[in-house]
Protein backbone atom coordinates (compact mmCIF):
# COMPACT_ATOMS: atom_id res chain seq x y z
CA MET A 1 24.25 -31.77 21.28
CA ARG A 2 24.51 -28.22 22.56
CA PHE A 3 25.42 -27.06 18.97
CA CYS A 4 22.35 -28.76 17.55
CA LYS A 5 20.09 -26.94 20.08
CA LYS A 6 21.56 -23.53 19.24
CA LEU A 7 21.33 -24.29 15.47
CA ARG A 8 17.70 -25.36 15.93
CA SER A 9 16.87 -22.24 18.03
CA PHE A 10 18.45 -20.08 15.28
CA LEU A 11 16.54 -21.69 12.45
CA VAL A 12 13.19 -21.36 14.35
CA ASN A 13 13.82 -17.82 15.27
CA GLU A 14 11.62 -15.68 12.79
CA HIS A 15 12.70 -12.12 13.84
CA GLY A 16 14.75 -11.72 10.62
CA ALA A 17 11.63 -12.42 8.56
CA VAL A 18 9.77 -9.47 10.00
CA THR A 19 12.71 -7.25 9.44
CA MET A 20 12.92 -8.36 5.82
CA GLU A 21 9.31 -7.48 5.31
CA TYR A 22 10.06 -3.98 6.46
CA VAL A 23 13.00 -3.66 4.25
CA LEU A 24 10.97 -4.83 1.24
CA LEU A 25 8.28 -2.25 2.15
CA CYS A 26 10.88 0.52 2.31
CA ILE A 27 12.34 -0.43 -1.03
CA MET A 28 8.83 -0.37 -2.64
CA LEU A 29 8.17 3.06 -1.09
CA ALA A 30 11.44 4.39 -2.26
CA ALA A 31 10.90 3.18 -5.81
CA GLY A 32 7.53 4.83 -5.83
CA ALA A 33 8.89 8.10 -4.47
CA MET A 34 11.61 8.06 -7.22
CA MET A 35 9.01 7.59 -9.83
CA MET A 36 7.00 10.49 -8.55
CA VAL A 37 9.99 12.75 -8.38
CA ILE A 38 10.92 11.83 -11.91
CA THR A 39 7.49 12.47 -13.21
CA PHE A 40 6.48 15.54 -11.38
CA SER A 41 9.68 17.47 -10.77
CA ARG A 42 9.90 18.48 -14.33
CA ALA A 43 6.33 19.44 -14.45
CA VAL A 44 6.61 21.75 -11.39
CA THR A 45 9.77 23.25 -12.79
CA ARG A 46 8.01 24.01 -16.09
CA GLN A 47 5.06 25.61 -14.35
CA PHE A 48 7.36 27.92 -12.43
CA ALA A 49 9.24 28.83 -15.67
CA LEU A 50 5.97 29.50 -17.47
CA VAL A 51 4.91 31.85 -14.45
CA SER A 52 8.27 33.62 -14.72
CA TYR A 53 7.90 34.06 -18.46
CA ALA A 54 4.43 35.62 -17.91
CA MET A 55 5.75 37.94 -15.22
CA SER A 56 8.83 39.04 -17.22
CA GLY A 57 6.80 40.70 -20.01
CA TYR A 58 7.14 38.09 -22.86
CA SER A 59 4.58 38.60 -25.64
CA PRO A 60 1.49 36.49 -25.83
CA GLU A 61 2.88 34.67 -28.85
CA GLU A 62 6.11 33.80 -27.05
CA LEU A 63 4.06 32.60 -24.01
CA SER A 64 1.92 30.39 -26.16
CA GLU A 65 5.03 28.90 -27.98
CA ALA A 66 6.55 28.20 -24.49
CA ARG A 67 3.24 26.60 -23.38
CA GLU A 68 3.30 24.30 -26.36
CA ARG A 69 6.92 23.31 -25.69
CA PHE A 70 5.96 22.53 -22.19
CA LYS A 71 2.91 20.30 -23.21
CA GLU A 72 5.13 18.38 -25.63
CA ALA A 73 7.72 17.83 -22.80
CA GLU A 74 4.98 16.86 -20.38
CA GLU A 75 3.77 14.21 -22.87
CA ASN A 76 7.32 12.90 -23.09
CA ASP A 77 7.57 12.75 -19.22
CA ALA A 78 4.33 10.70 -19.12
CA VAL A 79 5.85 8.30 -21.56
CA VAL A 80 8.99 8.01 -19.51
CA GLY A 81 7.03 7.61 -16.32
CA GLY A 82 4.78 4.87 -17.84
CA ALA A 83 7.89 2.94 -19.03
CA TYR A 84 9.55 3.36 -15.56
CA SER A 85 6.26 1.98 -13.97
CA ASP A 86 6.16 -0.94 -16.45
CA TYR A 87 9.73 -1.72 -15.53
CA MET A 88 9.03 -1.59 -11.81
CA HIS A 89 6.21 -4.04 -12.31
CA GLY A 90 8.40 -6.49 -14.20
CA GLU A 91 7.09 -5.91 -17.58
CA LYS A 92 9.53 -6.09 -20.42
CA LEU A 93 10.04 -2.80 -22.28
CA ASN A 94 9.65 -2.68 -26.08
CA LYS A 95 12.69 -1.10 -27.69
CA ASN A 96 11.23 0.35 -30.93
């Protein structure tokens, strides 16, 4: 009888459900933060590299070549970020 009361009070207790909601919220925030770091860290690094190229005396032709390479890399990062976002939203990725 006493065991049944303890079991019933344990099953009725909903404190764990609230904790689980916070855990899921933290997981979603962490996944979003990871996606932002993956997407923007390379872009910020490229901008610093471009500024350092400009300050180090590269010719205008070399700077425009570097800028074009960085644009191509940014487009690739956008594709990777989009694929990661699709994966996080449960969409299947097409492997072409």
